[in-house]
Amino acid sequence: MANVTDPLARTVHGKDPQNLIEYITRQKIYDSIYWKEECFGLSASDVATKAVELKALGGSYGANNKPTRFLCLTLKLLQIQPEEGIVEEFLMNEDFKYVRALGAFYLRLTGRPAEIYEQIDPMYNDFRKLRFRTPTGWKITHVDEFADELLTSDRYCGIALPHLPKRDVLVSAGYLDGPRRSALTPLMEEQSGGDAERFLEKLAENGNAAAVVAMSERKKRKREVEEKERSFREQVGGRESSRDGRRHEDESDRSSRARRDDRLRVGDRDGYYSQDRDERTYDRDERHQSSGTDKRKKEKKDKKYGSLFKKSSSKSEKDQYKSKRSNSDEGEDGNGAEDIDYWNAERAKLGLKPLKED
């Protein structure tokens, strides 16, 4: 029961608040001695008391990936889900920097985008040092760097942070009033009319070492940008010149072809027409040759396969048959015998037996 989320807690980003920390990291926190001995049955005020005793930030460390106390208290806040006013008090506490860092980290995990920007932005003006425990050692960071990491990174202390829209998107949508207002803004408006570039130049002229370094870097970046633009313009100019040269060559080729065609049509008409006549003669010969070839193929095919019925040897037989038919129409005697003789002859040609006489 000690690891169960408060029944009255609402879901965050559509899931249990404790699930914002990965399962394996959660299990390591549950198995840690600090969680079992120091984090059992804590309320929001008790968590604030424990946060005052923190000495460093961090996620997991060592060969076994042991969780830090900062991460254990973060999970406890997710479990009990304190009220928004308590979280704001954590963020406004400037006496204890680790309490402020704990509240900012919890707000980044559970808060709405506009609230995150509004309440974490003032931490940019806090330059106190923070100790951060890495998996292999220690390092020094600052409160403003910590705030910038929360607003710009996707992971921190080994925990995946929920997606946070860009400030410009929220400003355009009307959730934020405008860009972040720096602590130097009143001074810039007083000395340089709000122009950051002029203000930086004045600081460099007064001998500020950081301003001198910043100005040198700005000039260096400006030179690099100018060189890139110049090289780009040169490349574009070279491409345009080569394109113009090719266009000129194409136009000259077209004009030469046009002049040649004009000579063929106008200057040398006899040769042009003779050439055309030769082409027509060649086409006619080709057609004759192809027709002769087709005729030979047809004759060869007929010779190979033959006809289904034998053709009559001459036209005289047809004429005789017609004369016989005409005689039969006139009613002459012996027509029946002649007809039988004719059909018997035709059947004999086809290899059939003769007709029987009555």
Protein backbone atom coordinates (compact mmCIF):
# COMPACT_ATOMS: atom_id res chain seq x y z
CA MET A 1 0.00 0.00 0.00
CA ALA A 2 2.96 2.34 0.51
CA ASN A 3 3.59 2.44 -3.25
CA VAL A 4 -0.01 3.09 -4.33
CA THR A 5 -1.06 6.48 -5.72
CA ASP A 6 -3.43 8.57 -3.63
CA PRO A 7 -7.03 7.54 -4.55
CA LEU A 8 -8.03 11.22 -4.74
CA ALA A 9 -5.24 12.07 -7.18
CA ARG A 10 -6.32 12.95 -10.73
CA THR A 11 -4.67 11.58 -13.84
CA VAL A 12 -1.87 13.55 -15.45
CA HIS A 13 -1.51 13.48 -19.25
CA GLY A 14 -4.10 10.69 -19.31
CA LYS A 15 -2.33 8.25 -16.95
CA ASP A 16 -1.37 7.59 -13.34
CA PRO A 17 1.04 10.32 -12.11
CA GLN A 18 3.58 7.74 -10.92
CA ASN A 19 3.75 6.29 -14.44
CA LEU A 20 5.48 9.49 -15.60
CA ILE A 21 8.62 7.80 -14.28
CA GLU A 22 9.67 4.67 -16.16
CA TYR A 23 8.79 1.29 -14.66
CA ILE A 24 12.37 0.13 -14.05
CA THR A 25 13.35 3.39 -12.37
CA ARG A 26 10.18 3.22 -10.27
CA GLN A 27 10.99 -0.28 -9.08
CA LYS A 28 14.51 0.73 -8.12
CA ILE A 29 13.08 3.63 -6.09
CA TYR A 30 10.65 1.29 -4.32
CA ASP A 31 13.55 -1.04 -3.45
CA SER A 32 15.86 1.72 -2.20
CA ILE A 33 16.56 2.11 1.51
CA TYR A 34 15.83 5.86 1.49
CA TRP A 35 12.33 5.25 0.13
CA LYS A 36 11.53 2.54 2.67
CA GLU A 37 12.94 4.38 5.69
CA GLU A 38 12.40 8.10 4.94
CA CYS A 39 9.54 8.37 2.45
CA PHE A 40 6.89 6.24 4.11
CA GLY A 41 3.67 8.11 4.99
CA LEU A 42 4.93 11.60 4.07
CA SER A 43 2.66 14.57 3.50
CA ALA A 44 3.41 17.63 1.37
CA SER A 45 4.91 19.54 4.31
CA ASP A 46 7.03 16.52 5.22
CA VAL A 47 8.33 16.37 1.66
CA ALA A 48 9.30 20.05 1.89
CA THR A 49 11.18 19.29 5.12
CA LYS A 50 13.02 16.42 3.43
CA ALA A 51 13.80 18.65 0.42
CA VAL A 52 15.52 21.17 2.67
CA GLU A 53 18.00 18.42 3.57
CA LEU A 54 18.89 17.69 -0.05
CA LYS A 55 22.51 18.22 -1.05
CA ALA A 56 22.40 17.47 -4.78
CA LEU A 57 20.27 16.85 -7.85
CA GLY A 58 20.45 13.80 -10.06
CA GLY A 59 18.79 10.68 -11.38
CA SER A 60 20.48 7.32 -10.97
CA TYR A 61 24.13 6.67 -10.13
CA GLY A 62 26.58 3.85 -9.58
CA ALA A 63 26.90 0.42 -11.16
CA ASN A 64 23.49 -0.68 -9.88
CA ASN A 65 21.74 2.58 -10.95
CA LYS A 66 20.72 3.57 -7.47
CA PRO A 67 18.18 6.43 -7.38
CA THR A 68 19.12 9.72 -5.75
CA ARG A 69 17.12 11.25 -2.93
CA PHE A 70 15.99 14.00 -5.30
CA LEU A 71 14.37 11.38 -7.54
CA CYS A 72 12.77 9.60 -4.57
CA LEU A 73 11.12 12.82 -3.36
CA THR A 74 9.91 13.55 -6.90
CA LEU A 75 8.14 10.18 -7.00
CA LYS A 76 6.62 10.86 -3.57
CA LEU A 77 5.19 14.16 -4.87
CA LEU A 78 3.71 12.33 -7.84
CA GLN A 79 2.20 9.79 -5.46
CA ILE A 80 0.50 12.24 -3.10
CA GLN A 81 -0.16 14.96 -5.71
CA PRO A 82 -0.03 18.15 -3.58
CA GLU A 83 -2.20 21.18 -4.29
CA GLU A 84 -1.10 23.81 -6.81
CA GLY A 85 -0.57 26.40 -4.09
CA ILE A 86 1.95 24.15 -2.35
CA VAL A 87 3.86 23.69 -5.60
CA GLU A 88 3.94 27.46 -6.10
CA GLU A 89 5.36 27.88 -2.60
CA PHE A 90 8.10 25.42 -3.52
CA LEU A 91 8.95 27.54 -6.58
CA MET A 92 8.88 30.85 -4.70
CA ASN A 93 11.18 29.61 -1.94
CA GLU A 94 14.45 31.45 -2.64
CA ASP A 95 16.08 30.45 0.67
CA PHE A 96 16.49 26.77 -0.24
CA LYS A 97 17.55 26.24 -3.81
CA TYR A 98 16.98 22.47 -3.84
CA VAL A 99 13.39 22.94 -2.66
CA ARG A 100 12.88 25.32 -5.57
CA ALA A 101 14.49 22.86 -7.98
CA LEU A 102 12.26 20.03 -6.71
CA GLY A 103 9.11 22.12 -7.24
CA ALA A 104 10.23 23.13 -10.75
CA PHE A 105 10.93 19.53 -11.73
CA TYR A 106 7.53 18.38 -10.43
CA LEU A 107 5.77 21.23 -12.26
CA ARG A 108 7.57 20.34 -15.50
CA LEU A 109 6.23 16.78 -15.24
CA THR A 110 2.62 17.60 -14.33
CA GLY A 111 1.90 21.23 -15.25
CA ARG A 112 0.25 22.86 -18.25
CA PRO A 113 2.54 24.55 -20.83
CA ALA A 114 1.54 28.15 -20.01
CA GLU A 115 1.97 27.57 -16.26
CA ILE A 116 5.36 25.96 -16.80
CA TYR A 117 6.71 28.97 -18.71
CA GLU A 118 5.21 31.52 -16.35
CA GLN A 119 6.52 29.93 -13.15
CA ILE A 120 9.89 28.62 -14.34
CA ASP A 121 10.93 31.79 -16.23
CA PRO A 122 11.82 33.71 -13.01
CA MET A 123 14.44 31.04 -12.26
CA TYR A 124 16.54 32.45 -15.13
CA ASN A 125 17.49 35.27 -12.75
CA ASP A 126 18.80 32.84 -10.12
CA PHE A 127 22.51 32.14 -10.60
CA ARG A 128 23.22 30.01 -7.52
CA LYS A 129 25.23 26.83 -7.89
CA LEU A 130 23.75 23.36 -7.75
CA ARG A 131 25.52 20.05 -7.35
CA PHE A 132 24.44 17.42 -9.84
CA ARG A 133 25.22 13.73 -9.41
CA THR A 134 25.86 11.97 -12.73
CA PRO A 135 25.98 8.18 -13.21
CA THR A 136 29.78 8.31 -12.98
CA GLY A 137 30.57 11.31 -10.75
CA TRP A 138 29.67 14.90 -9.91
CA LYS A 139 29.36 18.21 -11.71
CA ILE A 140 28.41 21.81 -10.94
CA THR A 141 25.44 23.51 -12.57
CA HIS A 142 23.37 26.62 -11.82
CA VAL A 143 19.72 27.32 -11.20
CA ASP A 144 19.30 29.23 -14.48
CA GLU A 145 20.91 26.35 -16.40
CA PHE A 146 18.62 23.92 -14.63
CA ALA A 147 15.57 26.00 -15.67
CA ASP A 148 16.79 26.18 -19.27
CA GLU A 149 17.25 22.40 -19.38
CA LEU A 150 13.71 21.88 -18.15
CA LEU A 151 12.27 24.16 -20.84
CA THR A 152 14.37 22.98 -23.77
CA SER A 153 15.27 19.31 -23.16
CA ASP A 154 13.29 16.11 -23.63
CA ARG A 155 14.98 14.24 -20.77
CA TYR A 156 16.38 15.30 -17.44
CA CYS A 157 17.72 13.19 -14.54
CA GLY A 158 17.12 10.16 -16.74
CA ILE A 159 13.36 10.87 -16.89
CA ALA A 160 11.47 11.47 -20.14
CA LEU A 161 9.75 14.86 -19.89
CA PRO A 162 6.30 15.44 -21.44
CA HIS A 163 6.22 17.35 -24.70
CA LEU A 164 6.35 21.12 -24.23
CA PRO A 165 5.35 23.44 -27.12
CA LYS A 166 7.67 26.25 -28.12
CA ARG A 167 7.18 29.65 -26.57
CA ASP A 168 6.42 31.24 -29.95
CA VAL A 169 3.54 28.82 -30.50
CA LEU A 170 1.97 29.69 -27.15
CA VAL A 171 2.45 33.42 -27.77
CA SER A 172 0.78 33.22 -31.19
CA ALA A 173 -2.07 31.20 -29.67
CA GLY A 174 -2.59 33.79 -26.93
CA TYR A 175 -1.58 31.67 -23.93
CA LEU A 176 1.45 33.87 -23.19
CA ASP A 177 1.72 37.64 -23.37
CA GLY A 178 5.04 37.78 -25.18
CA PRO A 179 8.70 36.77 -25.09
CA ARG A 180 10.50 36.26 -21.81
CA ARG A 181 11.39 39.50 -20.06
CA SER A 182 15.01 39.47 -18.92
CA ALA A 183 16.25 41.05 -15.70
CA LEU A 184 18.47 43.29 -17.85
CA THR A 185 15.52 44.71 -19.78
CA PRO A 186 15.05 47.81 -17.53
CA LEU A 187 18.77 48.58 -17.73
CA MET A 188 18.78 48.09 -21.52
CA GLU A 189 15.82 50.41 -21.91
CA GLU A 190 17.52 53.03 -19.74
CA GLN A 191 20.93 53.03 -21.44
CA SER A 192 20.28 51.94 -25.04
CA GLY A 193 16.57 52.35 -25.65
CA GLY A 194 15.90 48.62 -25.51
CA ASP A 195 18.45 47.69 -28.23
CA ALA A 196 20.40 44.66 -26.97
CA GLU A 197 23.14 45.09 -29.59
CA ARG A 198 23.91 48.68 -28.60
CA PHE A 199 23.82 47.74 -24.93
CA LEU A 200 26.35 44.97 -25.51
CA GLU A 201 28.60 47.36 -27.45
CA LYS A 202 28.54 49.85 -24.58
CA LEU A 203 29.47 47.14 -22.10
CA ALA A 204 32.36 46.07 -24.35
CA GLU A 205 33.57 49.66 -24.61
CA ASN A 206 33.49 49.96 -20.82
CA GLY A 207 35.82 46.98 -20.54
CA ASN A 208 33.40 44.19 -19.64
CA ALA A 209 35.27 40.95 -20.46
CA ALA A 210 32.13 38.89 -21.10
CA ALA A 211 30.76 41.58 -23.40
CA VAL A 212 34.04 41.69 -25.34
CA VAL A 213 33.97 37.91 -25.84
CA ALA A 214 30.32 38.04 -26.88
CA MET A 215 31.00 40.81 -29.41
CA SER A 216 33.92 38.89 -30.94
CA GLU A 217 31.76 35.80 -31.30
CA ARG A 218 28.98 37.81 -32.89
CA LYS A 219 31.40 39.34 -35.40
CA LYS A 220 32.81 35.91 -36.20
CA ARG A 221 29.35 34.48 -36.81
CA LYS A 222 28.46 37.50 -38.92
CA ARG A 223 31.55 36.99 -41.12
CA GLU A 224 30.71 33.32 -41.56
CA VAL A 225 27.17 34.18 -42.63
CA GLU A 226 28.44 36.77 -45.12
CA GLU A 227 30.92 34.29 -46.61
CA LYS A 228 28.19 31.70 -47.03
CA GLU A 229 25.93 34.23 -48.73
CA ARG A 230 28.72 35.36 -51.05
CA SER A 231 29.61 31.80 -52.04
CA PHE A 232 25.95 31.06 -52.65
CA ARG A 233 25.60 34.10 -54.90
CA GLU A 234 28.70 33.07 -56.85
CA GLN A 235 27.32 29.59 -57.39
CA VAL A 236 23.99 31.00 -58.55
CA GLY A 237 25.75 33.45 -60.88
CA GLY A 238 27.86 30.65 -62.40
CA ARG A 239 24.79 28.56 -63.03
CA GLU A 240 23.01 31.47 -64.71
CA SER A 241 26.00 32.23 -66.95
CA SER A 242 26.30 28.58 -68.01
CA ARG A 243 22.56 28.49 -68.66
CA ASP A 244 22.84 31.62 -70.84
CA GLY A 245 25.72 30.07 -72.78
CA ARG A 246 23.74 26.91 -73.46
CA ARG A 247 20.74 28.99 -74.50
CA HIS A 248 22.93 30.95 -76.96
CA GLU A 249 24.32 27.70 -78.41
CA ASP A 250 20.82 26.29 -78.84
CA GLU A 251 19.67 29.43 -80.62
CA SER A 252 22.69 29.33 -82.98
CA ASP A 253 22.00 25.65 -83.77
CA ARG A 254 18.37 26.39 -84.51
CA SER A 255 19.28 29.31 -86.78
CA SER A 256 21.83 27.19 -88.71
CA ARG A 257 19.27 24.43 -89.20
CA ALA A 258 16.73 26.99 -90.42
CA ARG A 259 19.22 28.41 -92.96
CA ARG A 260 20.03 24.93 -94.22
CA ASP A 261 16.33 24.11 -94.67
CA ASP A 262 15.83 27.39 -96.54
CA ARG A 263 18.65 26.49 -98.93
CA LEU A 264 17.10 23.12 -99.62
CA ARG A 265 13.67 24.60 -100.25
CA VAL A 266 14.62 27.78 -102.17
CA GLY A 267 18.24 27.81 -103.30
CA ASP A 268 18.40 24.26 -104.75
CA ARG A 269 14.90 23.45 -105.91
CA ASP A 270 15.95 21.03 -108.64
CA GLY A 271 18.00 18.96 -106.28
CA TYR A 272 15.25 19.15 -103.65
CA TYR A 273 12.53 17.99 -106.06
CA SER A 274 14.78 15.34 -107.58
CA GLN A 275 15.48 14.03 -104.11
CA ASP A 276 11.77 13.97 -103.36
CA ARG A 277 11.11 12.16 -106.68
CA ASP A 278 13.75 9.56 -105.90
CA GLU A 279 12.15 8.94 -102.54
CA ARG A 280 8.72 8.46 -104.14
CA THR A 281 10.22 6.04 -106.70
CA TYR A 282 11.90 4.10 -103.95
CA ASP A 283 8.61 3.82 -102.03
CA ARG A 284 6.78 2.60 -105.14
CA ASP A 285 9.43 -0.08 -105.78
CA GLU A 286 9.18 -1.18 -102.20
CA ARG A 287 5.40 -1.54 -102.50
CA HIS A 288 5.72 -3.58 -105.72
CA GLN A 289 8.32 -5.81 -104.19
CA SER A 290 6.22 -6.38 -101.08
CA SER A 291 3.09 -7.17 -103.16
CA GLY A 292 5.08 -9.69 -105.26
CA THR A 293 6.39 -11.32 -102.13
CA ASP A 294 2.87 -11.65 -100.71
CA LYS A 295 1.64 -13.22 -103.95
CA ARG A 296 4.44 -15.80 -103.95
CA LYS A 297 3.68 -16.68 -100.33
CA LYS A 298 0.00 -17.22 -101.16
CA GLU A 299 0.82 -19.47 -104.13
CA LYS A 300 3.22 -21.49 -102.01
CA LYS A 301 0.55 -21.90 -99.34
CA ASP A 302 -2.08 -23.03 -101.86
CA LYS A 303 0.35 -25.51 -103.32
CA LYS A 304 1.17 -26.91 -99.92
CA TYR A 305 -2.34 -27.37 -98.54
CA GLY A 306 -4.41 -27.60 -101.75
CA SER A 307 -8.18 -27.14 -101.87
CA LEU A 308 -10.95 -29.06 -100.23
CA PHE A 309 -12.64 -29.85 -103.57
CA LYS A 310 -11.01 -30.51 -106.92
CA LYS A 311 -11.42 -27.74 -109.44
CA SER A 312 -12.86 -28.38 -112.88
CA SER A 313 -10.28 -28.88 -115.62
CA SER A 314 -11.77 -26.38 -118.08
CA LYS A 315 -14.62 -24.02 -118.65
CA SER A 316 -15.95 -26.11 -121.51
CA GLU A 317 -17.49 -28.61 -119.11
CA LYS A 318 -19.44 -25.80 -117.42
CA ASP A 319 -20.59 -24.58 -120.79
CA GLN A 320 -21.67 -28.09 -121.74
CA TYR A 321 -23.57 -28.37 -118.47
CA LYS A 322 -25.32 -25.06 -119.13
CA SER A 323 -26.26 -26.14 -122.65
CA LYS A 324 -27.59 -29.40 -121.31
CA ARG A 325 -29.68 -27.54 -118.73
CA SER A 326 -31.04 -25.29 -121.43
CA ASN A 327 -31.91 -28.29 -123.59
CA SER A 328 -33.66 -29.92 -120.65
CA ASP A 329 -35.70 -26.75 -120.18
CA GLU A 330 -36.78 -26.92 -123.85
CA GLY A 331 -38.22 -30.41 -123.25
CA GLU A 332 -36.01 -32.54 -125.58
CA ASP A 333 -36.05 -36.37 -125.33
CA GLY A 334 -33.24 -38.24 -123.62
CA ASN A 335 -32.49 -35.47 -121.28
CA GLY A 336 -32.61 -37.73 -118.26
CA ALA A 337 -29.98 -40.07 -119.66
CA GLU A 338 -27.64 -37.22 -120.51
CA ASP A 339 -28.01 -35.76 -117.05
CA ILE A 340 -27.19 -39.07 -115.46
CA ASP A 341 -24.13 -39.45 -117.69
CA TYR A 342 -22.94 -35.95 -116.70
CA TRP A 343 -23.36 -36.55 -112.96
CA ASN A 344 -21.77 -40.00 -113.18
CA ALA A 345 -18.75 -38.38 -114.83
CA GLU A 346 -18.57 -35.77 -112.08
CA ARG A 347 -18.86 -38.43 -109.36
CA ALA A 348 -16.15 -40.48 -111.05
CA LYS A 349 -13.83 -37.48 -110.82
CA LEU A 350 -14.50 -37.33 -107.08
CA GLY A 351 -14.00 -41.08 -106.67
CA LEU A 352 -17.68 -41.86 -105.99
CA LYS A 353 -19.85 -44.70 -107.30
CA PRO A 354 -22.11 -43.96 -110.29
CA LEU A 355 -25.79 -43.36 -109.87
CA LYS A 356 -28.18 -46.24 -110.37
CA GLU A 357 -30.45 -46.10 -113.39
CA ASP A 358 -34.18 -46.67 -112.96
